[in-house]
Amino acid sequence: MISALIGSVIMSAVTLAMLLAIDITDKALNKVGKYPLTTQERKILIDAGYNLEDIANINQEIKSLNFND
């Protein structure tokens, strides 16, 4: 009887830990790709022939990305 109770407590703790891990991972994945271009990325784009207006448009596209769909 005691072992069943201890097993239930352990199972509940493991389930809670798993749900917390999923929540933390989900929050981290929602932030992916939401950062503006770095200086190095801008330089690469300029070297590739893009102008500052194109780079501004790319930054706007990055801001408008929605990974929740």
C-alpha atoms as a PDB file:
ATOM      1  CA  MET A   1       0.000   0.000   0.000  1.00  0.00           C
ATOM      2  CA  ILE A   2       2.779   2.429   0.939  1.00  0.00           C
ATOM      3  CA  SER A   3       4.731   1.518  -2.216  1.00  0.00           C
ATOM      4  CA  ALA A   4       1.675   2.324  -4.363  1.00  0.00           C
ATOM      5  CA  LEU A   5       1.370   5.709  -2.669  1.00  0.00           C
ATOM      6  CA  ILE A   6       5.071   6.447  -3.149  1.00  0.00           C
ATOM      7  CA  GLY A   7       4.782   5.344  -6.791  1.00  0.00           C
ATOM      8  CA  SER A   8       1.868   7.715  -7.306  1.00  0.00           C
ATOM      9  CA  VAL A   9       3.814  10.622  -5.808  1.00  0.00           C
ATOM     10  CA  ILE A  10       6.821   9.866  -8.008  1.00  0.00           C
ATOM     11  CA  MET A  11       4.615   9.573 -11.080  1.00  0.00           C
ATOM     12  CA  SER A  12       2.979  12.921 -10.312  1.00  0.00           C
ATOM     13  CA  ALA A  13       6.357  14.615  -9.845  1.00  0.00           C
ATOM     14  CA  VAL A  14       7.678  13.219 -13.119  1.00  0.00           C
ATOM     15  CA  THR A  15       4.526  14.326 -14.955  1.00  0.00           C
ATOM     16  CA  LEU A  16       4.861  17.834 -13.538  1.00  0.00           C
ATOM     17  CA  ALA A  17       8.539  17.995 -14.531  1.00  0.00           C
ATOM     18  CA  MET A  18       7.678  16.870 -18.060  1.00  0.00           C
ATOM     19  CA  LEU A  19       4.952  19.500 -18.412  1.00  0.00           C
ATOM     20  CA  LEU A  20       7.305  22.224 -17.173  1.00  0.00           C
ATOM     21  CA  ALA A  21       9.977  21.119 -19.654  1.00  0.00           C
ATOM     22  CA  ILE A  22       7.454  21.254 -22.508  1.00  0.00           C
ATOM     23  CA  ASP A  23       6.300  24.726 -21.446  1.00  0.00           C
ATOM     24  CA  ILE A  24       9.856  26.077 -21.257  1.00  0.00           C
ATOM     25  CA  THR A  25      10.707  24.563 -24.649  1.00  0.00           C
ATOM     26  CA  ASP A  26       7.548  25.987 -26.201  1.00  0.00           C
ATOM     27  CA  LYS A  27       8.347  29.485 -24.912  1.00  0.00           C
ATOM     28  CA  ALA A  28      11.908  29.244 -26.232  1.00  0.00           C
ATOM     29  CA  LEU A  29      10.737  28.099 -29.668  1.00  0.00           C
ATOM     30  CA  ASN A  30       8.287  31.003 -29.894  1.00  0.00           C
ATOM     31  CA  LYS A  31      11.230  33.421 -29.691  1.00  0.00           C
ATOM     32  CA  VAL A  32      13.184  31.745 -32.500  1.00  0.00           C
ATOM     33  CA  GLY A  33      13.749  33.929 -35.533  1.00  0.00           C
ATOM     34  CA  LYS A  34      12.453  37.101 -33.940  1.00  0.00           C
ATOM     35  CA  TYR A  35      15.800  38.904 -33.853  1.00  0.00           C
ATOM     36  CA  PRO A  36      16.757  41.585 -36.393  1.00  0.00           C
ATOM     37  CA  LEU A  37      19.674  41.050 -38.750  1.00  0.00           C
ATOM     38  CA  THR A  38      23.115  41.298 -37.204  1.00  0.00           C
ATOM     39  CA  THR A  39      25.830  43.592 -38.542  1.00  0.00           C
ATOM     40  CA  GLN A  40      27.578  40.642 -40.181  1.00  0.00           C
ATOM     41  CA  GLU A  41      24.357  39.519 -41.873  1.00  0.00           C
ATOM     42  CA  ARG A  42      23.763  43.058 -43.160  1.00  0.00           C
ATOM     43  CA  LYS A  43      27.295  43.140 -44.583  1.00  0.00           C
ATOM     44  CA  ILE A  44      26.730  39.807 -46.338  1.00  0.00           C
ATOM     45  CA  LEU A  45      23.513  41.103 -47.874  1.00  0.00           C
ATOM     46  CA  ILE A  46      25.156  44.341 -49.012  1.00  0.00           C
ATOM     47  CA  ASP A  47      28.020  42.334 -50.546  1.00  0.00           C
ATOM     48  CA  ALA A  48      25.401  40.201 -52.311  1.00  0.00           C
ATOM     49  CA  GLY A  49      23.942  43.306 -53.958  1.00  0.00           C
ATOM     50  CA  TYR A  50      21.043  44.209 -51.677  1.00  0.00           C
ATOM     51  CA  ASN A  51      20.506  47.862 -50.789  1.00  0.00           C
ATOM     52  CA  LEU A  52      19.468  49.346 -47.440  1.00  0.00           C
ATOM     53  CA  GLU A  53      15.793  49.433 -48.420  1.00  0.00           C
ATOM     54  CA  ASP A  54      15.884  45.691 -49.189  1.00  0.00           C
ATOM     55  CA  ILE A  55      17.533  45.032 -45.823  1.00  0.00           C
ATOM     56  CA  ALA A  56      14.842  47.072 -44.049  1.00  0.00           C
ATOM     57  CA  ASN A  57      12.178  45.024 -45.853  1.00  0.00           C
ATOM     58  CA  ILE A  58      13.883  41.790 -44.756  1.00  0.00           C
ATOM     59  CA  ASN A  59      13.904  43.015 -41.142  1.00  0.00           C
ATOM     60  CA  GLN A  60      10.171  43.804 -41.396  1.00  0.00           C
ATOM     61  CA  GLU A  61       9.518  40.291 -42.731  1.00  0.00           C
ATOM     62  CA  ILE A  62      11.454  38.797 -39.832  1.00  0.00           C
ATOM     63  CA  LYS A  63       9.381  40.804 -37.339  1.00  0.00           C
ATOM     64  CA  SER A  64       6.146  39.679 -38.964  1.00  0.00           C
ATOM     65  CA  LEU A  65       6.991  35.951 -38.920  1.00  0.00           C
ATOM     66  CA  ASN A  66       4.563  33.920 -36.851  1.00  0.00           C
ATOM     67  CA  PHE A  67       5.805  30.502 -35.756  1.00  0.00           C
ATOM     68  CA  ASN A  68       2.617  29.631 -33.863  1.00  0.00           C
ATOM     69  CA  ASP A  69       0.697  28.462 -36.921  1.00  0.00           C
END
